[in-house]
């Protein structure tokens, strides 16, 4: 290869873009889930949903949140070159 540094740089750029894209998709999915949970919980508490929820013992759903204390506990893979 005539310019290995350029190819490595291009590969690094592509990896960086893919990681950013993946993080964005995860954030979008988390937000969509939390929006659905909020909608469910609100409908569960309002009439007539409250009657149905009480009859069938529907429980409130929890939001998907990762706090600072949980974030550092996760095993994040290291990318090495």
PDB file of N, CA and C in Angstrom:
ATOM      1  N   UNK A   1       0.836  -1.177   0.000  1.00  0.00           N
ATOM      2  CA  UNK A   1       0.000   0.000   0.000  1.00  0.00           C
ATOM      3  C   UNK A   1       0.877   1.235   0.000  1.00  0.00           C
ATOM      4  N   UNK A   2       0.497   2.164  -0.816  1.00  0.00           N
ATOM      5  CA  UNK A   2       1.303   3.368  -0.944  1.00  0.00           C
ATOM      6  C   UNK A   2       1.161   4.292   0.264  1.00  0.00           C
ATOM      7  N   UNK A   3      -0.045   4.390   0.828  1.00  0.00           N
ATOM      8  CA  UNK A   3      -0.283   5.319   1.943  1.00  0.00           C
ATOM      9  C   UNK A   3      -1.032   4.607   3.080  1.00  0.00           C
ATOM     10  N   UNK A   4      -0.358   3.790   3.869  1.00  0.00           N
ATOM     11  CA  UNK A   4      -1.053   3.052   4.937  1.00  0.00           C
ATOM     12  C   UNK A   4      -1.643   3.966   6.011  1.00  0.00           C
ATOM     13  N   UNK A   5      -1.006   5.128   6.254  1.00  0.00           N
ATOM     14  CA  UNK A   5      -1.539   6.037   7.274  1.00  0.00           C
ATOM     15  C   UNK A   5      -2.908   6.574   6.866  1.00  0.00           C
ATOM     16  N   UNK A   6      -3.063   6.868   5.569  1.00  0.00           N
ATOM     17  CA  UNK A   6      -4.340   7.384   5.092  1.00  0.00           C
ATOM     18  C   UNK A   6      -5.437   6.334   5.208  1.00  0.00           C
ATOM     19  N   UNK A   7      -5.098   5.075   4.906  1.00  0.00           N
ATOM     20  CA  UNK A   7      -6.088   4.009   5.003  1.00  0.00           C
ATOM     21  C   UNK A   7      -6.479   3.793   6.462  1.00  0.00           C
ATOM     22  N   UNK A   8      -5.498   3.793   7.364  1.00  0.00           N
ATOM     23  CA  UNK A   8      -5.793   3.634   8.785  1.00  0.00           C
ATOM     24  C   UNK A   8      -6.642   4.799   9.276  1.00  0.00           C
ATOM     25  N   UNK A   9      -6.331   5.993   8.814  1.00  0.00           N
ATOM     26  CA  UNK A   9      -7.101   7.167   9.205  1.00  0.00           C
ATOM     27  C   UNK A   9      -8.539   7.062   8.695  1.00  0.00           C
ATOM     28  N   UNK A  10      -8.697   6.577   7.475  1.00  0.00           N
ATOM     29  CA  UNK A  10     -10.039   6.404   6.917  1.00  0.00           C
ATOM     30  C   UNK A  10     -10.809   5.350   7.706  1.00  0.00           C
ATOM     31  N   UNK A  11     -10.131   4.266   8.087  1.00  0.00           N
ATOM     32  CA  UNK A  11     -10.779   3.230   8.896  1.00  0.00           C
ATOM     33  C   UNK A  11     -11.183   3.778  10.259  1.00  0.00           C
ATOM     34  N   UNK A  12     -10.320   4.584  10.856  1.00  0.00           N
ATOM     35  CA  UNK A  12     -10.633   5.200  12.142  1.00  0.00           C
ATOM     36  C   UNK A  12     -11.830   6.128  12.006  1.00  0.00           C
ATOM     37  N   UNK A  13     -11.861   6.893  10.940  1.00  0.00           N
ATOM     38  CA  UNK A  13     -12.976   7.813  10.695  1.00  0.00           C
ATOM     39  C   UNK A  13     -14.276   7.038  10.542  1.00  0.00           C
ATOM     40  N   UNK A  14     -14.234   5.941   9.789  1.00  0.00           N
ATOM     41  CA  UNK A  14     -15.426   5.128   9.586  1.00  0.00           C
ATOM     42  C   UNK A  14     -15.889   4.519  10.909  1.00  0.00           C
ATOM     43  N   UNK A  15     -14.960   4.008  11.706  1.00  0.00           N
ATOM     44  CA  UNK A  15     -15.312   3.441  13.006  1.00  0.00           C
ATOM     45  C   UNK A  15     -15.938   4.500  13.901  1.00  0.00           C
ATOM     46  N   UNK A  16     -15.347   5.663  13.918  1.00  0.00           N
ATOM     47  CA  UNK A  16     -15.872   6.756  14.736  1.00  0.00           C
ATOM     48  C   UNK A  16     -17.289   7.123  14.311  1.00  0.00           C
ATOM     49  N   UNK A  17     -17.531   7.181  13.018  1.00  0.00           N
ATOM     50  CA  UNK A  17     -18.868   7.501  12.516  1.00  0.00           C
ATOM     51  C   UNK A  17     -19.870   6.411  12.874  1.00  0.00           C
ATOM     52  N   UNK A  18     -19.455   5.156  12.783  1.00  0.00           N
ATOM     53  CA  UNK A  18     -20.347   4.052  13.126  1.00  0.00           C
ATOM     54  C   UNK A  18     -20.669   4.044  14.617  1.00  0.00           C
ATOM     55  N   UNK A  19     -19.681   4.325  15.458  1.00  0.00           N
ATOM     56  CA  UNK A  19     -19.927   4.387  16.897  1.00  0.00           C
ATOM     57  C   UNK A  19     -20.878   5.529  17.236  1.00  0.00           C
ATOM     58  N   UNK A  20     -20.679   6.666  16.609  1.00  0.00           N
ATOM     59  CA  UNK A  20     -21.563   7.810  16.836  1.00  0.00           C
ATOM     60  C   UNK A  20     -22.980   7.485  16.384  1.00  0.00           C
ATOM     61  N   UNK A  21     -23.102   6.856  15.226  1.00  0.00           N
ATOM     62  CA  UNK A  21     -24.412   6.473  14.711  1.00  0.00           C
ATOM     63  C   UNK A  21     -25.104   5.487  15.652  1.00  0.00           C
ATOM     64  N   UNK A  22     -24.359   4.525  16.160  1.00  0.00           N
ATOM     65  CA  UNK A  22     -24.917   3.543  17.086  1.00  0.00           C
ATOM     66  C   UNK A  22     -25.385   4.204  18.375  1.00  0.00           C
ATOM     67  N   UNK A  23     -24.579   5.104  18.908  1.00  0.00           N
ATOM     68  CA  UNK A  23     -24.969   5.821  20.124  1.00  0.00           C
ATOM     69  C   UNK A  23     -26.232   6.643  19.886  1.00  0.00           C
ATOM     70  N   UNK A  24     -26.343   7.263  18.731  1.00  0.00           N
ATOM     71  CA  UNK A  24     -27.537   8.051  18.408  1.00  0.00           C
ATOM     72  C   UNK A  24     -28.777   7.172  18.293  1.00  0.00           C
ATOM     73  N   UNK A  25     -28.634   5.998  17.678  1.00  0.00           N
ATOM     74  CA  UNK A  25     -29.771   5.088  17.562  1.00  0.00           C
ATOM     75  C   UNK A  25     -30.216   4.588  18.928  1.00  0.00           C
ATOM     76  N   UNK A  26     -29.258   4.303  19.811  1.00  0.00           N
ATOM     77  CA  UNK A  26     -29.595   3.866  21.168  1.00  0.00           C
ATOM     78  C   UNK A  26     -30.328   4.976  21.915  1.00  0.00           C
ATOM     79  N   UNK A  27     -29.833   6.198  21.803  1.00  0.00           N
ATOM     80  CA  UNK A  27     -30.481   7.332  22.476  1.00  0.00           C
ATOM     81  C   UNK A  27     -31.900   7.531  21.941  1.00  0.00           C
ATOM     82  N   UNK A  28     -32.077   7.399  20.630  1.00  0.00           N
ATOM     83  CA  UNK A  28     -33.403   7.552  20.034  1.00  0.00           C
ATOM     84  C   UNK A  28     -34.341   6.459  20.530  1.00  0.00           C
ATOM     85  N   UNK A  29     -33.865   5.216  20.566  1.00  0.00           N
ATOM     86  CA  UNK A  29     -34.692   4.101  21.031  1.00  0.00           C
ATOM     87  C   UNK A  29     -35.049   4.269  22.506  1.00  0.00           C
ATOM     88  N   UNK A  30     -34.107   4.724  23.312  1.00  0.00           N
ATOM     89  CA  UNK A  30     -34.374   4.964  24.731  1.00  0.00           C
ATOM     90  C   UNK A  30     -35.448   6.033  24.891  1.00  0.00           C
ATOM     91  N   UNK A  31     -35.355   7.098  24.106  1.00  0.00           N
ATOM     92  CA  UNK A  31     -36.346   8.169  24.185  1.00  0.00           C
ATOM     93  C   UNK A  31     -37.718   7.673  23.735  1.00  0.00           C
ATOM     94  N   UNK A  32     -37.767   6.879  22.678  1.00  0.00           N
ATOM     95  CA  UNK A  32     -39.039   6.336  22.202  1.00  0.00           C
ATOM     96  C   UNK A  32     -39.664   5.428  23.260  1.00  0.00           C
ATOM     97  N   UNK A  33     -38.849   4.603  23.906  1.00  0.00           N
ATOM     98  CA  UNK A  33     -39.345   3.730  24.976  1.00  0.00           C
ATOM     99  C   UNK A  33     -39.900   4.565  26.126  1.00  0.00           C
ATOM    100  N   UNK A  34     -39.141   5.564  26.560  1.00  0.00           N
ATOM    101  CA  UNK A  34     -39.578   6.402  27.676  1.00  0.00           C
ATOM    102  C   UNK A  34     -40.853   7.171  27.331  1.00  0.00           C
ATOM    103  N   UNK A  35     -40.990   7.606  26.082  1.00  0.00           N
ATOM    104  CA  UNK A  35     -42.219   8.274  25.653  1.00  0.00           C
ATOM    105  C   UNK A  35     -43.410   7.317  25.746  1.00  0.00           C
ATOM    106  N   UNK A  36     -43.205   6.069  25.313  1.00  0.00           N
ATOM    107  CA  UNK A  36     -44.274   5.072  25.382  1.00  0.00           C
ATOM    108  C   UNK A  36     -44.634   4.766  26.835  1.00  0.00           C
ATOM    109  N   UNK A  37     -43.650   4.683  27.710  1.00  0.00           N
ATOM    110  CA  UNK A  37     -43.900   4.427  29.132  1.00  0.00           C
ATOM    111  C   UNK A  37     -44.698   5.575  29.744  1.00  0.00           C
ATOM    112  N   UNK A  38     -44.320   6.806  29.418  1.00  0.00           N
ATOM    113  CA  UNK A  38     -45.044   7.961  29.952  1.00  0.00           C
ATOM    114  C   UNK A  38     -46.497   7.951  29.473  1.00  0.00           C
ATOM    115  N   UNK A  39     -46.712   7.632  28.217  1.00  0.00           N
ATOM    116  CA  UNK A  39     -48.066   7.561  27.675  1.00  0.00           C
ATOM    117  C   UNK A  39     -48.868   6.466  28.380  1.00  0.00           C
ATOM    118  N   UNK A  40     -48.266   5.295  28.539  1.00  0.00           N
ATOM    119  CA  UNK A  40     -48.928   4.181  29.228  1.00  0.00           C
ATOM    120  C   UNK A  40     -49.287   4.566  30.660  1.00  0.00           C
ATOM    121  N   UNK A  41     -48.326   5.119  31.393  1.00  0.00           N
ATOM    122  CA  UNK A  41     -48.568   5.484  32.789  1.00  0.00           C
ATOM    123  C   UNK A  41     -49.653   6.553  32.907  1.00  0.00           C
ATOM    124  N   UNK A  42     -49.654   7.526  32.004  1.00  0.00           N
ATOM    125  CA  UNK A  42     -50.688   8.565  32.036  1.00  0.00           C
ATOM    126  C   UNK A  42     -52.071   7.986  31.747  1.00  0.00           C
ATOM    127  N   UNK A  43     -52.164   7.130  30.740  1.00  0.00           N
ATOM    128  CA  UNK A  43     -53.459   6.528  30.395  1.00  0.00           C
ATOM    129  C   UNK A  43     -53.939   5.590  31.492  1.00  0.00           C
ATOM    130  N   UNK A  44     -53.006   4.944  32.162  1.00  0.00           N
ATOM    131  CA  UNK A  44     -53.324   4.032  33.246  1.00  0.00           C
ATOM    132  C   UNK A  44     -53.979   4.759  34.417  1.00  0.00           C
ATOM    133  N   UNK A  45     -53.634   6.019  34.591  1.00  0.00           N
ATOM    134  CA  UNK A  45     -54.136   6.792  35.727  1.00  0.00           C
ATOM    135  C   UNK A  45     -55.416   7.566  35.411  1.00  0.00           C
ATOM    136  N   UNK A  46     -55.750   7.706  34.139  1.00  0.00           N
ATOM    137  CA  UNK A  46     -56.921   8.506  33.752  1.00  0.00           C
ATOM    138  C   UNK A  46     -58.118   7.596  33.468  1.00  0.00           C
ATOM    139  N   UNK A  47     -59.306   8.143  33.689  1.00  0.00           N
ATOM    140  CA  UNK A  47     -60.533   7.422  33.382  1.00  0.00           C
ATOM    141  C   UNK A  47     -60.683   7.298  31.873  1.00  0.00           C
ATOM    142  N   UNK A  48     -61.075   6.196  31.326  1.00  0.00           N
ATOM    143  CA  UNK A  48     -61.492   4.926  31.900  1.00  0.00           C
ATOM    144  C   UNK A  48     -60.335   3.941  32.089  1.00  0.00           C
ATOM    145  N   UNK A  49     -59.132   4.357  31.691  1.00  0.00           N
ATOM    146  CA  UNK A  49     -57.980   3.464  31.834  1.00  0.00           C
ATOM    147  C   UNK A  49     -57.737   3.034  33.263  1.00  0.00           C
ATOM    148  N   UNK A  50     -58.046   3.903  34.214  1.00  0.00           N
ATOM    149  CA  UNK A  50     -57.832   3.558  35.617  1.00  0.00           C
ATOM    150  C   UNK A  50     -58.732   2.404  36.049  1.00  0.00           C
ATOM    151  N   UNK A  51     -59.944   2.327  35.494  1.00  0.00           N
ATOM    152  CA  UNK A  51     -60.838   1.208  35.821  1.00  0.00           C
ATOM    153  C   UNK A  51     -60.282  -0.107  35.286  1.00  0.00           C
ATOM    154  N   UNK A  52     -59.824  -0.066  34.057  1.00  0.00           N
ATOM    155  CA  UNK A  52     -59.272  -1.275  33.438  1.00  0.00           C
ATOM    156  C   UNK A  52     -57.974  -1.673  34.127  1.00  0.00           C
ATOM    157  N   UNK A  53     -57.118  -0.697  34.384  1.00  0.00           N
ATOM    158  CA  UNK A  53     -55.836  -0.979  35.039  1.00  0.00           C
ATOM    159  C   UNK A  53     -56.055  -1.570  36.419  1.00  0.00           C
ATOM    160  N   UNK A  54     -57.038  -1.051  37.143  1.00  0.00           N
ATOM    161  CA  UNK A  54     -57.338  -1.589  38.471  1.00  0.00           C
ATOM    162  C   UNK A  54     -57.910  -2.986  38.403  1.00  0.00           C
ATOM    163  N   UNK A  55     -58.763  -3.242  37.420  1.00  0.00           N
ATOM    164  CA  UNK A  55     -59.389  -4.557  37.276  1.00  0.00           C
ATOM    165  C   UNK A  55     -58.379  -5.640  36.924  1.00  0.00           C
ATOM    166  N   UNK A  56     -57.415  -5.286  36.103  1.00  0.00           N
ATOM    167  CA  UNK A  56     -56.446  -6.276  35.637  1.00  0.00           C
ATOM    168  C   UNK A  56     -55.088  -6.150  36.312  1.00  0.00           C
ATOM    169  N   UNK A  57     -55.011  -5.334  37.324  1.00  0.00           N
ATOM    170  CA  UNK A  57     -53.790  -5.167  38.120  1.00  0.00           C
ATOM    171  C   UNK A  57     -52.592  -4.736  37.267  1.00  0.00           C
ATOM    172  N   UNK A  58     -52.838  -3.788  36.356  1.00  0.00           N
ATOM    173  CA  UNK A  58     -51.743  -3.235  35.560  1.00  0.00           C
ATOM    174  C   UNK A  58     -50.874  -2.370  36.455  1.00  0.00           C
ATOM    175  N   UNK A  59     -49.606  -2.582  36.408  1.00  0.00           N
ATOM    176  CA  UNK A  59     -48.653  -1.833  37.231  1.00  0.00           C
ATOM    177  C   UNK A  59     -48.042  -0.696  36.420  1.00  0.00           C
ATOM    178  N   UNK A  60     -47.597   0.355  37.104  1.00  0.00           N
ATOM    179  CA  UNK A  60     -46.886   1.413  36.373  1.00  0.00           C
ATOM    180  C   UNK A  60     -45.574   0.874  35.807  1.00  0.00           C
ATOM    181  N   UNK A  61     -45.220   1.347  34.648  1.00  0.00           N
ATOM    182  CA  UNK A  61     -43.959   0.942  34.018  1.00  0.00           C
ATOM    183  C   UNK A  61     -42.859   1.909  34.442  1.00  0.00           C
ATOM    184  N   UNK A  62     -41.644   1.405  34.477  1.00  0.00           N
ATOM    185  CA  UNK A  62     -40.495   2.220  34.881  1.00  0.00           C
ATOM    186  C   UNK A  62     -39.797   2.789  33.655  1.00  0.00           C
ATOM    187  N   UNK A  63     -39.336   4.013  33.794  1.00  0.00           N
ATOM    188  CA  UNK A  63     -38.556   4.639  32.732  1.00  0.00           C
ATOM    189  C   UNK A  63     -37.186   3.986  32.644  1.00  0.00           C
ATOM    190  N   UNK A  64     -36.624   4.016  31.468  1.00  0.00           N
ATOM    191  CA  UNK A  64     -35.279   3.499  31.261  1.00  0.00           C
ATOM    192  C   UNK A  64     -34.304   4.637  31.490  1.00  0.00           C
ATOM    193  N   UNK A  65     -33.647   4.595  32.630  1.00  0.00           N
ATOM    194  CA  UNK A  65     -32.693   5.635  32.984  1.00  0.00           C
ATOM    195  C   UNK A  65     -31.402   4.984  33.448  1.00  0.00           C
ATOM    196  N   UNK A  66     -30.303   5.534  33.011  1.00  0.00           N
ATOM    197  CA  UNK A  66     -28.997   5.070  33.462  1.00  0.00           C
ATOM    198  C   UNK A  66     -28.353   6.232  34.184  1.00  0.00           C
ATOM    199  N   UNK A  67     -28.258   6.105  35.485  1.00  0.00           N
ATOM    200  CA  UNK A  67     -27.656   7.160  36.288  1.00  0.00           C
ATOM    201  C   UNK A  67     -26.143   7.125  36.207  1.00  0.00           C
ATOM    202  N   UNK A  68     -25.524   8.141  36.743  1.00  0.00           N
ATOM    203  CA  UNK A  68     -24.060   8.235  36.719  1.00  0.00           C
ATOM    204  C   UNK A  68     -23.428   7.084  37.481  1.00  0.00           C
ATOM    205  N   UNK A  69     -24.065   6.649  38.573  1.00  0.00           N
ATOM    206  CA  UNK A  69     -23.506   5.550  39.353  1.00  0.00           C
ATOM    207  C   UNK A  69     -23.587   4.223  38.606  1.00  0.00           C
ATOM    208  N   UNK A  70     -24.610   4.048  37.761  1.00  0.00           N
ATOM    209  CA  UNK A  70     -24.744   2.826  36.980  1.00  0.00           C
ATOM    210  C   UNK A  70     -23.871   2.843  35.732  1.00  0.00           C
ATOM    211  N   UNK A  71     -23.650   4.001  35.176  1.00  0.00           N
ATOM    212  CA  UNK A  71     -22.901   4.109  33.922  1.00  0.00           C
ATOM    213  C   UNK A  71     -21.475   3.609  34.072  1.00  0.00           C
ATOM    214  N   UNK A  72     -20.848   3.884  35.187  1.00  0.00           N
ATOM    215  CA  UNK A  72     -19.458   3.450  35.349  1.00  0.00           C
ATOM    216  C   UNK A  72     -19.355   1.969  35.688  1.00  0.00           C
ATOM    217  N   UNK A  73     -20.458   1.323  36.055  1.00  0.00           N
ATOM    218  CA  UNK A  73     -20.444  -0.103  36.373  1.00  0.00           C
ATOM    219  C   UNK A  73     -20.508  -0.975  35.122  1.00  0.00           C
ATOM    220  N   UNK A  74     -20.980  -0.408  34.022  1.00  0.00           N
ATOM    221  CA  UNK A  74     -21.119  -1.187  32.794  1.00  0.00           C
ATOM    222  C   UNK A  74     -19.754  -1.551  32.232  1.00  0.00           C
ATOM    223  N   UNK A  75     -19.691  -2.703  31.610  1.00  0.00           N
ATOM    224  CA  UNK A  75     -18.460  -3.133  30.949  1.00  0.00           C
ATOM    225  C   UNK A  75     -18.473  -2.621  29.518  1.00  0.00           C
ATOM    226  N   UNK A  76     -17.747  -1.570  29.295  1.00  0.00           N
ATOM    227  CA  UNK A  76     -17.663  -0.974  27.970  1.00  0.00           C
ATOM    228  C   UNK A  76     -16.449  -1.557  27.265  1.00  0.00           C
ATOM    229  N   UNK A  77     -16.645  -2.132  26.087  1.00  0.00           N
ATOM    230  CA  UNK A  77     -15.497  -2.709  25.387  1.00  0.00           C
ATOM    231  C   UNK A  77     -14.509  -1.635  24.962  1.00  0.00           C
ATOM    232  N   UNK A  78     -13.249  -1.957  25.067  1.00  0.00           N
ATOM    233  CA  UNK A  78     -12.199  -1.029  24.646  1.00  0.00           C
ATOM    234  C   UNK A  78     -11.843  -1.316  23.199  1.00  0.00           C
ATOM    235  N   UNK A  79     -11.672  -0.263  22.450  1.00  0.00           N
ATOM    236  CA  UNK A  79     -11.283  -0.380  21.049  1.00  0.00           C
ATOM    237  C   UNK A  79      -9.805  -0.070  20.965  1.00  0.00           C
ATOM    238  N   UNK A  80      -9.043  -1.059  20.509  1.00  0.00           N
ATOM    239  CA  UNK A  80      -7.598  -0.870  20.393  1.00  0.00           C
ATOM    240  C   UNK A  80      -7.164  -1.128  18.958  1.00  0.00           C
ATOM    241  N   UNK A  81      -6.142  -0.395  18.562  1.00  0.00           N
ATOM    242  CA  UNK A  81      -5.601  -0.564  17.209  1.00  0.00           C
ATOM    243  C   UNK A  81      -4.131  -0.869  17.279  1.00  0.00           C
TER     244      UNK A  81
END
